[in-house]
Amino acid sequence: MSNILKKILNGIWTSNPVLILLLGFCPTLAVSTTLNNAIGMAFAATFVLVSSNIVISTIRNFVPNKMRIPVFIIVIATFVILVDLVMYGYFPKLHKSLGVFIPLIVVNCIVFGRAEAYASKNKVFDSFLDGLGMGLGFLLIISVLAAIREIIGNGTLWGIKLFGDSYTPAIVAILPPGAFLTVGLMIGGMNFINIKNNEKARIKQKLEKEKVKI
């Protein structure tokens, strides 16, 4: 059980696809103007990521090495088309709002990167956990980013006004410069926390070694 949790947490924090691996910046910055759009995009990408990881891991031993890239693209594109049609049928407003970024999941670096770097080399269940962890990590970051930008840039969250009519939104937050600035601060914050945690771990390890010597 601890191993399962470790694999999931790897995508959420240790190897977060956006803040640590620095992948998927195009959809992350483009659709994170509102929390609604961000969550819709994250769930769509997570479904494709998990599903394609499972299929690619299952067929990895039957696909010739020279054909793996075209096969991976076909698998990923199949699930993207499925997501696109379902979203078009059941969530037309969200589908229209996300626009071209749903089809562009086919070339999303997170999805294709995990297919090539992990799913094509590991067992099905491990690939499922990897896809789930990476998807949850993407969901967490894009949701936090979108919430910050929507609150500051619109004074709303989920379209609900938080500060009343007297609030003057900082429009820059929902513009591209605001997206880059916010995600940069998030990257800096995560790196700061990781550095502090590593320092604490080294100090603890050093104290344990000194105790053993004594």
N, C-alpha and C. Protein backbone atom coordinates (compact mmCIF):
# COMPACT_ATOMS: atom_id res chain seq x y z
N MET A 1 0.83 -1.21 0.00
CA MET A 1 0.00 0.00 0.00
C MET A 1 0.86 1.26 0.00
N SER A 2 1.92 1.25 0.76
CA SER A 2 2.82 2.40 0.82
C SER A 2 3.48 2.65 -0.53
N ASN A 3 3.78 1.55 -1.27
CA ASN A 3 4.39 1.68 -2.59
C ASN A 3 3.43 2.34 -3.57
N ILE A 4 2.14 1.97 -3.46
CA ILE A 4 1.11 2.56 -4.32
C ILE A 4 1.00 4.06 -4.04
N LEU A 5 0.95 4.40 -2.76
CA LEU A 5 0.85 5.81 -2.37
C LEU A 5 2.08 6.60 -2.82
N LYS A 6 3.24 5.96 -2.73
CA LYS A 6 4.49 6.61 -3.13
C LYS A 6 4.48 6.94 -4.61
N LYS A 7 3.97 6.01 -5.44
CA LYS A 7 3.93 6.24 -6.88
C LYS A 7 2.97 7.37 -7.24
N ILE A 8 1.85 7.43 -6.53
CA ILE A 8 0.88 8.50 -6.79
C ILE A 8 1.44 9.86 -6.35
N LEU A 9 2.05 9.87 -5.15
CA LEU A 9 2.62 11.12 -4.63
C LEU A 9 3.79 11.61 -5.47
N ASN A 10 4.43 10.69 -6.18
CA ASN A 10 5.53 11.08 -7.06
C ASN A 10 5.05 12.07 -8.11
N GLY A 11 3.87 11.80 -8.69
CA GLY A 11 3.33 12.71 -9.70
C GLY A 11 2.75 13.97 -9.11
N ILE A 12 2.24 13.86 -7.88
CA ILE A 12 1.62 15.02 -7.25
C ILE A 12 2.68 16.02 -6.78
N TRP A 13 3.79 15.50 -6.24
CA TRP A 13 4.78 16.42 -5.65
C TRP A 13 6.21 16.17 -6.16
N THR A 14 6.76 14.99 -5.90
CA THR A 14 8.18 14.74 -6.18
C THR A 14 8.55 15.02 -7.63
N SER A 15 7.74 14.54 -8.57
CA SER A 15 8.00 14.77 -9.99
C SER A 15 6.79 15.42 -10.64
N ASN A 16 6.26 16.43 -9.99
CA ASN A 16 5.09 17.12 -10.53
C ASN A 16 5.34 17.53 -11.98
N PRO A 17 4.43 17.18 -12.89
CA PRO A 17 4.69 17.43 -14.31
C PRO A 17 4.87 18.89 -14.69
N VAL A 18 4.21 19.79 -13.98
CA VAL A 18 4.28 21.21 -14.33
C VAL A 18 5.41 21.92 -13.60
N LEU A 19 5.46 21.80 -12.29
CA LEU A 19 6.41 22.59 -11.50
C LEU A 19 7.79 21.96 -11.37
N ILE A 20 7.90 20.66 -11.53
CA ILE A 20 9.21 19.98 -11.42
C ILE A 20 9.73 19.57 -12.79
N LEU A 21 8.92 18.85 -13.57
CA LEU A 21 9.36 18.41 -14.90
C LEU A 21 9.20 19.50 -15.95
N LEU A 22 8.43 20.55 -15.61
CA LEU A 22 8.22 21.69 -16.51
C LEU A 22 7.63 21.27 -17.85
N LEU A 23 6.58 20.45 -17.79
CA LEU A 23 5.88 19.99 -18.99
C LEU A 23 4.46 20.55 -19.00
N GLY A 24 3.86 20.58 -20.19
CA GLY A 24 2.46 20.95 -20.32
C GLY A 24 2.15 22.41 -20.05
N PHE A 25 3.11 23.29 -20.31
CA PHE A 25 2.88 24.70 -20.02
C PHE A 25 1.84 25.34 -20.94
N CYS A 26 1.72 24.85 -22.15
CA CYS A 26 0.77 25.46 -23.10
C CYS A 26 -0.66 25.42 -22.58
N PRO A 27 -1.23 24.23 -22.27
CA PRO A 27 -2.59 24.22 -21.72
C PRO A 27 -2.67 24.81 -20.33
N THR A 28 -1.61 24.62 -19.53
CA THR A 28 -1.62 25.13 -18.16
C THR A 28 -1.81 26.64 -18.13
N LEU A 29 -1.09 27.34 -18.97
CA LEU A 29 -1.17 28.80 -18.98
C LEU A 29 -2.38 29.30 -19.76
N ALA A 30 -2.77 28.57 -20.80
CA ALA A 30 -3.81 29.05 -21.70
C ALA A 30 -5.22 28.94 -21.12
N VAL A 31 -5.53 27.86 -20.42
CA VAL A 31 -6.91 27.64 -19.98
C VAL A 31 -7.13 27.92 -18.50
N SER A 32 -6.10 28.42 -17.82
CA SER A 32 -6.22 28.62 -16.37
C SER A 32 -6.74 30.01 -16.00
N THR A 33 -7.51 30.63 -16.89
CA THR A 33 -8.09 31.93 -16.58
C THR A 33 -9.27 31.79 -15.62
N THR A 34 -9.93 30.61 -15.64
CA THR A 34 -11.02 30.34 -14.70
C THR A 34 -10.85 28.93 -14.14
N LEU A 35 -11.34 28.72 -12.94
CA LEU A 35 -11.23 27.41 -12.29
C LEU A 35 -12.04 26.35 -13.03
N ASN A 36 -13.17 26.74 -13.57
CA ASN A 36 -14.02 25.81 -14.31
C ASN A 36 -13.29 25.23 -15.52
N ASN A 37 -12.65 26.10 -16.30
CA ASN A 37 -11.90 25.65 -17.47
C ASN A 37 -10.72 24.77 -17.07
N ALA A 38 -10.04 25.16 -16.00
CA ALA A 38 -8.85 24.43 -15.56
C ALA A 38 -9.20 23.01 -15.14
N ILE A 39 -10.25 22.85 -14.36
CA ILE A 39 -10.65 21.52 -13.89
C ILE A 39 -11.13 20.66 -15.05
N GLY A 40 -11.88 21.26 -15.97
CA GLY A 40 -12.32 20.51 -17.15
C GLY A 40 -11.14 20.00 -17.97
N MET A 41 -10.15 20.87 -18.18
CA MET A 41 -8.96 20.48 -18.93
C MET A 41 -8.18 19.41 -18.19
N ALA A 42 -8.06 19.55 -16.88
CA ALA A 42 -7.28 18.60 -16.09
C ALA A 42 -7.91 17.21 -16.11
N PHE A 43 -9.22 17.14 -15.98
CA PHE A 43 -9.89 15.83 -16.01
C PHE A 43 -9.78 15.18 -17.38
N ALA A 44 -9.90 15.99 -18.43
CA ALA A 44 -9.76 15.45 -19.78
C ALA A 44 -8.36 14.89 -20.00
N ALA A 45 -7.35 15.66 -19.60
CA ALA A 45 -5.96 15.22 -19.77
C ALA A 45 -5.65 14.00 -18.90
N THR A 46 -6.20 13.97 -17.69
CA THR A 46 -5.95 12.83 -16.79
C THR A 46 -6.56 11.55 -17.35
N PHE A 47 -7.77 11.64 -17.89
CA PHE A 47 -8.40 10.46 -18.50
C PHE A 47 -7.55 9.92 -19.65
N VAL A 48 -7.11 10.83 -20.51
CA VAL A 48 -6.27 10.41 -21.64
C VAL A 48 -4.96 9.83 -21.15
N LEU A 49 -4.36 10.46 -20.16
CA LEU A 49 -3.07 10.03 -19.62
C LEU A 49 -3.16 8.63 -19.02
N VAL A 50 -4.15 8.41 -18.16
CA VAL A 50 -4.31 7.11 -17.51
C VAL A 50 -4.65 6.03 -18.53
N SER A 51 -5.60 6.31 -19.40
CA SER A 51 -6.05 5.32 -20.38
C SER A 51 -4.94 4.94 -21.36
N SER A 52 -4.24 5.94 -21.87
CA SER A 52 -3.16 5.66 -22.83
C SER A 52 -2.00 4.93 -22.15
N ASN A 53 -1.70 5.27 -20.91
CA ASN A 53 -0.66 4.55 -20.18
C ASN A 53 -0.99 3.08 -20.05
N ILE A 54 -2.24 2.77 -19.72
CA ILE A 54 -2.66 1.38 -19.56
C ILE A 54 -2.52 0.61 -20.86
N VAL A 55 -3.03 1.19 -21.95
CA VAL A 55 -3.00 0.51 -23.25
C VAL A 55 -1.56 0.35 -23.74
N ILE A 56 -0.77 1.41 -23.65
CA ILE A 56 0.61 1.35 -24.14
C ILE A 56 1.44 0.35 -23.34
N SER A 57 1.22 0.30 -22.02
CA SER A 57 1.93 -0.68 -21.20
C SER A 57 1.52 -2.11 -21.58
N THR A 58 0.25 -2.28 -21.91
CA THR A 58 -0.26 -3.60 -22.28
C THR A 58 0.34 -4.11 -23.58
N ILE A 59 0.51 -3.23 -24.55
CA ILE A 59 0.97 -3.65 -25.88
C ILE A 59 2.47 -3.42 -26.09
N ARG A 60 3.18 -2.97 -25.06
CA ARG A 60 4.56 -2.54 -25.25
C ARG A 60 5.47 -3.64 -25.79
N ASN A 61 5.21 -4.88 -25.43
CA ASN A 61 6.07 -5.99 -25.89
C ASN A 61 5.75 -6.46 -27.30
N PHE A 62 4.65 -5.95 -27.85
CA PHE A 62 4.23 -6.39 -29.19
C PHE A 62 4.49 -5.33 -30.26
N VAL A 63 4.92 -4.15 -29.83
CA VAL A 63 5.15 -3.05 -30.78
C VAL A 63 6.63 -2.96 -31.12
N PRO A 64 6.99 -3.07 -32.41
CA PRO A 64 8.39 -2.92 -32.81
C PRO A 64 8.93 -1.56 -32.41
N ASN A 65 10.19 -1.51 -32.07
CA ASN A 65 10.79 -0.27 -31.58
C ASN A 65 10.65 0.88 -32.58
N LYS A 66 10.79 0.57 -33.88
CA LYS A 66 10.70 1.61 -34.91
C LYS A 66 9.29 2.16 -35.07
N MET A 67 8.29 1.39 -34.60
CA MET A 67 6.90 1.79 -34.77
C MET A 67 6.28 2.38 -33.52
N ARG A 68 7.05 2.47 -32.44
CA ARG A 68 6.43 2.83 -31.16
C ARG A 68 5.84 4.25 -31.16
N ILE A 69 6.51 5.22 -31.78
CA ILE A 69 6.02 6.59 -31.77
C ILE A 69 4.68 6.71 -32.51
N PRO A 70 4.56 6.20 -33.75
CA PRO A 70 3.25 6.25 -34.44
C PRO A 70 2.16 5.52 -33.67
N VAL A 71 2.50 4.38 -33.09
CA VAL A 71 1.51 3.61 -32.32
C VAL A 71 1.06 4.40 -31.09
N PHE A 72 2.01 5.01 -30.39
CA PHE A 72 1.67 5.80 -29.20
C PHE A 72 0.73 6.95 -29.57
N ILE A 73 1.02 7.60 -30.69
CA ILE A 73 0.19 8.73 -31.14
C ILE A 73 -1.23 8.27 -31.46
N ILE A 74 -1.34 7.11 -32.12
CA ILE A 74 -2.66 6.58 -32.47
C ILE A 74 -3.46 6.25 -31.21
N VAL A 75 -2.81 5.63 -30.23
CA VAL A 75 -3.48 5.30 -28.97
C VAL A 75 -3.95 6.56 -28.25
N ILE A 76 -3.06 7.52 -28.13
CA ILE A 76 -3.41 8.77 -27.43
C ILE A 76 -4.51 9.51 -28.19
N ALA A 77 -4.41 9.57 -29.51
CA ALA A 77 -5.41 10.28 -30.32
C ALA A 77 -6.78 9.64 -30.19
N THR A 78 -6.83 8.32 -30.05
CA THR A 78 -8.11 7.62 -29.89
C THR A 78 -8.83 8.09 -28.64
N PHE A 79 -8.11 8.17 -27.55
CA PHE A 79 -8.73 8.61 -26.29
C PHE A 79 -9.06 10.11 -26.32
N VAL A 80 -8.26 10.89 -27.02
CA VAL A 80 -8.55 12.32 -27.14
C VAL A 80 -9.84 12.54 -27.92
N ILE A 81 -10.02 11.78 -29.00
CA ILE A 81 -11.26 11.88 -29.78
C ILE A 81 -12.46 11.50 -28.93
N LEU A 82 -12.31 10.46 -28.11
CA LEU A 82 -13.38 10.03 -27.22
C LEU A 82 -13.75 11.15 -26.24
N VAL A 83 -12.73 11.75 -25.61
CA VAL A 83 -12.96 12.85 -24.68
C VAL A 83 -13.61 14.03 -25.39
N ASP A 84 -13.13 14.35 -26.58
CA ASP A 84 -13.66 15.48 -27.34
C ASP A 84 -15.14 15.30 -27.65
N LEU A 85 -15.53 14.09 -28.07
CA LEU A 85 -16.92 13.82 -28.43
C LEU A 85 -17.83 13.83 -27.20
N VAL A 86 -17.36 13.23 -26.11
CA VAL A 86 -18.15 13.21 -24.87
C VAL A 86 -18.35 14.63 -24.34
N MET A 87 -17.27 15.41 -24.35
CA MET A 87 -17.38 16.78 -23.87
C MET A 87 -18.27 17.62 -24.78
N TYR A 88 -18.19 17.39 -26.07
CA TYR A 88 -19.04 18.12 -27.02
C TYR A 88 -20.51 17.78 -26.81
N GLY A 89 -20.79 16.51 -26.48
CA GLY A 89 -22.16 16.06 -26.31
C GLY A 89 -22.78 16.43 -24.98
N TYR A 90 -21.98 16.35 -23.91
CA TYR A 90 -22.53 16.52 -22.56
C TYR A 90 -22.14 17.85 -21.89
N PHE A 91 -21.03 18.43 -22.33
CA PHE A 91 -20.58 19.70 -21.73
C PHE A 91 -20.24 20.70 -22.85
N PRO A 92 -21.24 21.09 -23.64
CA PRO A 92 -20.97 21.94 -24.81
C PRO A 92 -20.33 23.29 -24.48
N LYS A 93 -20.74 23.91 -23.36
CA LYS A 93 -20.17 25.21 -22.99
C LYS A 93 -18.69 25.08 -22.64
N LEU A 94 -18.37 24.04 -21.87
CA LEU A 94 -16.97 23.80 -21.51
C LEU A 94 -16.16 23.45 -22.74
N HIS A 95 -16.74 22.64 -23.63
CA HIS A 95 -16.07 22.25 -24.87
C HIS A 95 -15.74 23.47 -25.72
N LYS A 96 -16.70 24.39 -25.82
CA LYS A 96 -16.49 25.60 -26.60
C LYS A 96 -15.45 26.50 -25.95
N SER A 97 -15.47 26.56 -24.63
CA SER A 97 -14.52 27.41 -23.90
C SER A 97 -13.09 26.91 -24.04
N LEU A 98 -12.90 25.58 -23.97
CA LEU A 98 -11.55 25.01 -24.08
C LEU A 98 -11.05 25.00 -25.53
N GLY A 99 -11.98 24.93 -26.46
CA GLY A 99 -11.64 25.05 -27.87
C GLY A 99 -10.60 24.05 -28.36
N VAL A 100 -9.56 24.58 -28.99
CA VAL A 100 -8.55 23.74 -29.64
C VAL A 100 -7.68 22.98 -28.65
N PHE A 101 -7.71 23.36 -27.38
CA PHE A 101 -6.81 22.72 -26.42
C PHE A 101 -7.22 21.29 -26.07
N ILE A 102 -8.46 20.90 -26.38
CA ILE A 102 -8.84 19.50 -26.20
C ILE A 102 -8.15 18.62 -27.26
N PRO A 103 -8.28 18.93 -28.56
CA PRO A 103 -7.54 18.14 -29.56
C PRO A 103 -6.03 18.17 -29.35
N LEU A 104 -5.52 19.27 -28.83
CA LEU A 104 -4.07 19.41 -28.63
C LEU A 104 -3.53 18.51 -27.51
N ILE A 105 -4.41 17.83 -26.78
CA ILE A 105 -3.94 16.86 -25.78
C ILE A 105 -3.12 15.76 -26.45
N VAL A 106 -3.39 15.53 -27.73
CA VAL A 106 -2.62 14.52 -28.49
C VAL A 106 -1.13 14.79 -28.41
N VAL A 107 -0.75 16.06 -28.46
CA VAL A 107 0.67 16.41 -28.44
C VAL A 107 1.09 17.01 -27.09
N ASN A 108 0.27 16.81 -26.08
CA ASN A 108 0.63 17.30 -24.75
C ASN A 108 1.88 16.58 -24.26
N CYS A 109 2.87 17.34 -23.82
CA CYS A 109 4.15 16.76 -23.41
C CYS A 109 4.01 15.82 -22.22
N ILE A 110 3.06 16.11 -21.34
CA ILE A 110 2.87 15.24 -20.17
C ILE A 110 2.39 13.87 -20.62
N VAL A 111 1.37 13.83 -21.48
CA VAL A 111 0.78 12.57 -21.92
C VAL A 111 1.79 11.76 -22.73
N PHE A 112 2.37 12.39 -23.75
CA PHE A 112 3.31 11.66 -24.60
C PHE A 112 4.59 11.32 -23.86
N GLY A 113 5.03 12.24 -23.00
CA GLY A 113 6.26 12.00 -22.23
C GLY A 113 6.15 10.80 -21.33
N ARG A 114 5.02 10.65 -20.62
CA ARG A 114 4.85 9.51 -19.72
C ARG A 114 4.67 8.22 -20.50
N ALA A 115 4.06 8.31 -21.67
CA ALA A 115 3.92 7.11 -22.51
C ALA A 115 5.29 6.59 -22.93
N GLU A 116 6.16 7.49 -23.34
CA GLU A 116 7.49 7.11 -23.81
C GLU A 116 8.43 6.77 -22.66
N ALA A 117 8.42 7.60 -21.61
CA ALA A 117 9.40 7.43 -20.54
C ALA A 117 9.01 6.37 -19.52
N TYR A 118 7.71 6.11 -19.36
CA TYR A 118 7.30 5.20 -18.29
C TYR A 118 6.44 4.02 -18.78
N ALA A 119 5.31 4.31 -19.39
CA ALA A 119 4.37 3.24 -19.75
C ALA A 119 4.98 2.21 -20.69
N SER A 120 5.85 2.66 -21.58
CA SER A 120 6.45 1.74 -22.56
C SER A 120 7.53 0.84 -21.93
N LYS A 121 7.84 1.07 -20.66
CA LYS A 121 8.92 0.31 -20.00
C LYS A 121 8.47 -0.39 -18.71
N ASN A 122 7.20 -0.19 -18.31
CA ASN A 122 6.75 -0.72 -17.03
C ASN A 122 5.45 -1.49 -17.14
N LYS A 123 5.10 -2.19 -16.06
CA LYS A 123 3.90 -3.02 -16.03
C LYS A 123 2.64 -2.16 -16.02
N VAL A 124 1.52 -2.83 -16.32
CA VAL A 124 0.25 -2.13 -16.50
C VAL A 124 -0.17 -1.37 -15.23
N PHE A 125 -0.15 -2.06 -14.08
CA PHE A 125 -0.62 -1.42 -12.85
C PHE A 125 0.27 -0.25 -12.45
N ASP A 126 1.58 -0.43 -12.60
CA ASP A 126 2.50 0.67 -12.30
C ASP A 126 2.27 1.85 -13.24
N SER A 127 1.98 1.56 -14.50
CA SER A 127 1.71 2.62 -15.47
C SER A 127 0.41 3.34 -15.16
N PHE A 128 -0.57 2.57 -14.68
CA PHE A 128 -1.84 3.17 -14.25
C PHE A 128 -1.59 4.15 -13.10
N LEU A 129 -0.81 3.72 -12.10
CA LEU A 129 -0.52 4.57 -10.95
C LEU A 129 0.26 5.81 -11.36
N ASP A 130 1.21 5.62 -12.29
CA ASP A 130 1.99 6.76 -12.78
C ASP A 130 1.09 7.77 -13.48
N GLY A 131 0.20 7.29 -14.33
CA GLY A 131 -0.72 8.18 -15.03
C GLY A 131 -1.65 8.90 -14.07
N LEU A 132 -2.14 8.16 -13.07
CA LEU A 132 -3.03 8.76 -12.08
C LEU A 132 -2.31 9.84 -11.27
N GLY A 133 -1.10 9.52 -10.83
CA GLY A 133 -0.32 10.49 -10.05
C GLY A 133 0.00 11.74 -10.84
N MET A 134 0.44 11.56 -12.09
CA MET A 134 0.75 12.71 -12.93
C MET A 134 -0.51 13.54 -13.23
N GLY A 135 -1.62 12.84 -13.45
CA GLY A 135 -2.87 13.54 -13.71
C GLY A 135 -3.33 14.35 -12.51
N LEU A 136 -3.22 13.77 -11.32
CA LEU A 136 -3.60 14.48 -10.10
C LEU A 136 -2.67 15.67 -9.85
N GLY A 137 -1.38 15.47 -10.16
CA GLY A 137 -0.43 16.57 -10.01
C GLY A 137 -0.76 17.72 -10.95
N PHE A 138 -1.12 17.38 -12.18
CA PHE A 138 -1.53 18.40 -13.16
C PHE A 138 -2.80 19.10 -12.71
N LEU A 139 -3.77 18.31 -12.21
CA LEU A 139 -5.03 18.86 -11.71
C LEU A 139 -4.79 19.84 -10.56
N LEU A 140 -3.94 19.44 -9.62
CA LEU A 140 -3.66 20.28 -8.46
C LEU A 140 -3.08 21.64 -8.87
N ILE A 141 -2.05 21.59 -9.71
CA ILE A 141 -1.35 22.83 -10.07
C ILE A 141 -2.20 23.74 -10.94
N ILE A 142 -2.86 23.19 -11.94
CA ILE A 142 -3.65 24.04 -12.84
C ILE A 142 -4.86 24.61 -12.10
N SER A 143 -5.38 23.86 -11.11
CA SER A 143 -6.52 24.36 -10.33
C SER A 143 -6.10 25.51 -9.42
N VAL A 144 -4.97 25.34 -8.73
CA VAL A 144 -4.46 26.40 -7.86
C VAL A 144 -4.13 27.64 -8.68
N LEU A 145 -3.47 27.44 -9.80
CA LEU A 145 -3.11 28.56 -10.68
C LEU A 145 -4.36 29.30 -11.17
N ALA A 146 -5.36 28.53 -11.59
CA ALA A 146 -6.59 29.14 -12.09
C ALA A 146 -7.35 29.88 -11.00
N ALA A 147 -7.38 29.30 -9.79
CA ALA A 147 -8.07 29.95 -8.68
C ALA A 147 -7.42 31.29 -8.35
N ILE A 148 -6.10 31.31 -8.31
CA ILE A 148 -5.38 32.55 -8.02
C ILE A 148 -5.67 33.60 -9.09
N ARG A 149 -5.57 33.19 -10.35
CA ARG A 149 -5.78 34.14 -11.45
C ARG A 149 -7.22 34.64 -11.51
N GLU A 150 -8.18 33.75 -11.28
CA GLU A 150 -9.58 34.16 -11.34
C GLU A 150 -9.94 35.10 -10.19
N ILE A 151 -9.44 34.78 -8.99
CA ILE A 151 -9.75 35.63 -7.84
C ILE A 151 -9.16 37.03 -8.01
N ILE A 152 -7.88 37.08 -8.40
CA ILE A 152 -7.22 38.37 -8.54
C ILE A 152 -7.69 39.11 -9.79
N GLY A 153 -7.83 38.38 -10.88
CA GLY A 153 -8.15 39.02 -12.16
C GLY A 153 -9.62 39.33 -12.39
N ASN A 154 -10.51 38.54 -11.75
CA ASN A 154 -11.95 38.77 -11.93
C ASN A 154 -12.68 39.08 -10.62
N GLY A 155 -12.06 38.73 -9.51
CA GLY A 155 -12.74 38.88 -8.22
C GLY A 155 -13.81 37.84 -8.02
N THR A 156 -13.69 36.71 -8.76
CA THR A 156 -14.69 35.64 -8.67
C THR A 156 -14.01 34.29 -8.46
N LEU A 157 -14.79 33.29 -8.10
CA LEU A 157 -14.34 31.90 -8.04
C LEU A 157 -15.54 31.04 -8.41
N TRP A 158 -15.37 30.20 -9.43
CA TRP A 158 -16.49 29.46 -10.00
C TRP A 158 -17.57 30.42 -10.50
N GLY A 159 -17.16 31.62 -10.89
CA GLY A 159 -18.12 32.60 -11.39
C GLY A 159 -18.88 33.34 -10.31
N ILE A 160 -18.59 33.05 -9.04
CA ILE A 160 -19.28 33.71 -7.92
C ILE A 160 -18.44 34.88 -7.44
N LYS A 161 -19.05 36.06 -7.32
CA LYS A 161 -18.33 37.24 -6.85
C LYS A 161 -17.94 37.08 -5.39
N LEU A 162 -16.68 37.37 -5.09
CA LEU A 162 -16.18 37.21 -3.73
C LEU A 162 -16.07 38.53 -2.97
N PHE A 163 -15.86 39.62 -3.67
CA PHE A 163 -15.56 40.88 -3.01
C PHE A 163 -16.58 41.99 -3.25
N GLY A 164 -17.66 41.69 -3.94
CA GLY A 164 -18.67 42.71 -4.19
C GLY A 164 -18.30 43.62 -5.34
N ASP A 165 -19.16 44.57 -5.62
CA ASP A 165 -18.98 45.46 -6.78
C ASP A 165 -17.86 46.48 -6.59
N SER A 166 -17.43 46.67 -5.35
CA SER A 166 -16.40 47.68 -5.08
C SER A 166 -14.99 47.20 -5.45
N TYR A 167 -14.85 45.90 -5.67
CA TYR A 167 -13.52 45.35 -5.98
C TYR A 167 -13.09 45.72 -7.40
N THR A 168 -11.86 46.17 -7.52
CA THR A 168 -11.29 46.48 -8.84
C THR A 168 -10.33 45.38 -9.24
N PRO A 169 -10.69 44.53 -10.21
CA PRO A 169 -9.84 43.39 -10.58
C PRO A 169 -8.51 43.83 -11.17
N ALA A 170 -7.48 43.06 -10.89
CA ALA A 170 -6.17 43.28 -11.51
C ALA A 170 -6.15 42.47 -12.81
N ILE A 171 -6.53 43.09 -13.88
CA ILE A 171 -6.73 42.40 -15.16
C ILE A 171 -5.47 41.65 -15.61
N VAL A 172 -4.31 42.13 -15.21
CA VAL A 172 -3.06 41.50 -15.64
C VAL A 172 -3.00 40.03 -15.22
N ALA A 173 -3.71 39.68 -14.15
CA ALA A 173 -3.67 38.30 -13.65
C ALA A 173 -4.23 37.29 -14.65
N ILE A 174 -5.22 37.72 -15.45
CA ILE A 174 -5.81 36.79 -16.42
C ILE A 174 -5.22 36.96 -17.81
N LEU A 175 -4.22 37.82 -17.91
CA LEU A 175 -3.48 37.98 -19.16
C LEU A 175 -2.23 37.11 -19.14
N PRO A 176 -1.59 36.86 -20.30
CA PRO A 176 -0.39 36.01 -20.34
C PRO A 176 0.70 36.40 -19.35
N PRO A 177 1.03 37.69 -19.18
CA PRO A 177 2.07 38.03 -18.19
C PRO A 177 1.72 37.56 -16.78
N GLY A 178 0.43 37.69 -16.42
CA GLY A 178 0.00 37.24 -15.10
C GLY A 178 0.14 35.74 -14.94
N ALA A 179 -0.12 34.99 -16.02
CA ALA A 179 0.01 33.53 -15.97
C ALA A 179 1.47 33.14 -15.75
N PHE A 180 2.38 33.76 -16.51
CA PHE A 180 3.81 33.44 -16.37
C PHE A 180 4.33 33.83 -14.99
N LEU A 181 3.92 34.99 -14.50
CA LEU A 181 4.38 35.44 -13.19
C LEU A 181 3.89 34.51 -12.08
N THR A 182 2.61 34.13 -12.13
CA THR A 182 2.04 33.27 -11.09
C THR A 182 2.67 31.90 -11.09
N VAL A 183 2.81 31.29 -12.26
CA VAL A 183 3.40 29.96 -12.31
C VAL A 183 4.87 30.00 -11.93
N GLY A 184 5.55 31.11 -12.24
CA GLY A 184 6.94 31.27 -11.81
C GLY A 184 7.07 31.32 -10.30
N LEU A 185 6.15 32.04 -9.65
CA LEU A 185 6.15 32.10 -8.19
C LEU A 185 5.84 30.74 -7.59
N MET A 186 4.96 29.98 -8.23
CA MET A 186 4.63 28.64 -7.75
C MET A 186 5.83 27.70 -7.86
N ILE A 187 6.56 27.81 -8.97
CA ILE A 187 7.77 27.00 -9.14
C ILE A 187 8.79 27.35 -8.07
N GLY A 188 8.98 28.66 -7.84
CA GLY A 188 9.91 29.11 -6.80
C GLY A 188 9.50 28.62 -5.42
N GLY A 189 8.20 28.66 -5.13
CA GLY A 189 7.71 28.19 -3.84
C GLY A 189 7.95 26.71 -3.63
N MET A 190 7.69 25.90 -4.67
CA MET A 190 7.92 24.47 -4.55
C MET A 190 9.40 24.16 -4.39
N ASN A 191 10.25 24.84 -5.13
CA ASN A 191 11.70 24.63 -5.01
C ASN A 191 12.19 25.00 -3.61
N PHE A 192 11.65 26.09 -3.05
CA PHE A 192 12.04 26.52 -1.71
C PHE A 192 11.67 25.46 -0.68
N ILE A 193 10.46 24.92 -0.80
CA ILE A 193 10.01 23.88 0.14
C ILE A 193 10.87 22.63 0.01
N ASN A 194 11.18 22.23 -1.22
CA ASN A 194 12.00 21.04 -1.45
C ASN A 194 13.41 21.22 -0.90
N ILE A 195 13.98 22.42 -1.07
CA ILE A 195 15.32 22.70 -0.55
C ILE A 195 15.33 22.60 0.97
N LYS A 196 14.34 23.19 1.61
CA LYS A 196 14.24 23.13 3.07
C LYS A 196 14.06 21.70 3.56
N ASN A 197 13.24 20.93 2.86
CA ASN A 197 13.04 19.52 3.25
C ASN A 197 14.32 18.71 3.10
N ASN A 198 15.07 18.98 2.02
CA ASN A 198 16.34 18.27 1.81
C ASN A 198 17.36 18.63 2.88
N GLU A 199 17.38 19.90 3.28
CA GLU A 199 18.29 20.34 4.35
C GLU A 199 17.95 19.65 5.67
N LYS A 200 16.67 19.58 5.99
CA LYS A 200 16.24 18.91 7.21
C LYS A 200 16.61 17.43 7.19
N ALA A 201 16.45 16.80 6.02
CA ALA A 201 16.79 15.38 5.88
C ALA A 201 18.28 15.15 6.07
N ARG A 202 19.12 16.07 5.51
CA ARG A 202 20.57 15.93 5.66
C ARG A 202 20.99 16.13 7.12
N ILE A 203 20.39 17.11 7.78
CA ILE A 203 20.71 17.35 9.20
C ILE A 203 20.32 16.15 10.06
N LYS A 204 19.15 15.60 9.79
CA LYS A 204 18.68 14.43 10.54
C LYS A 204 19.60 13.24 10.32
N GLN A 205 20.02 13.04 9.06
CA GLN A 205 20.92 11.94 8.73
C GLN A 205 22.28 12.12 9.40
N LYS A 206 22.76 13.36 9.43
CA LYS A 206 24.05 13.66 10.07
C LYS A 206 23.99 13.39 11.56
N LEU A 207 22.89 13.79 12.21
CA LEU A 207 22.73 13.56 13.65
C LEU A 207 22.65 12.07 13.97
N GLU A 208 21.99 11.34 13.12
CA GLU A 208 21.88 9.88 13.33
C GLU A 208 23.25 9.22 13.22
N LYS A 209 24.08 9.68 12.26
CA LYS A 209 25.43 9.12 12.10
C LYS A 209 26.30 9.43 13.32
N GLU A 210 26.15 10.65 13.85
CA GLU A 210 26.92 11.03 15.04
C GLU A 210 26.52 10.20 16.26
N LYS A 211 25.23 9.88 16.36
CA LYS A 211 24.75 9.05 17.46
C LYS A 211 25.33 7.65 17.38
N VAL A 212 25.41 7.15 16.14
CA VAL A 212 25.97 5.80 15.93
C VAL A 212 27.45 5.76 16.33
N LYS A 213 28.18 6.82 15.97
CA LYS A 213 29.61 6.88 16.33
C LYS A 213 29.81 6.92 17.85
N ILE A 214 28.93 7.68 18.53
CA ILE A 214 29.02 7.77 20.00
C ILE A 214 28.72 6.42 20.66
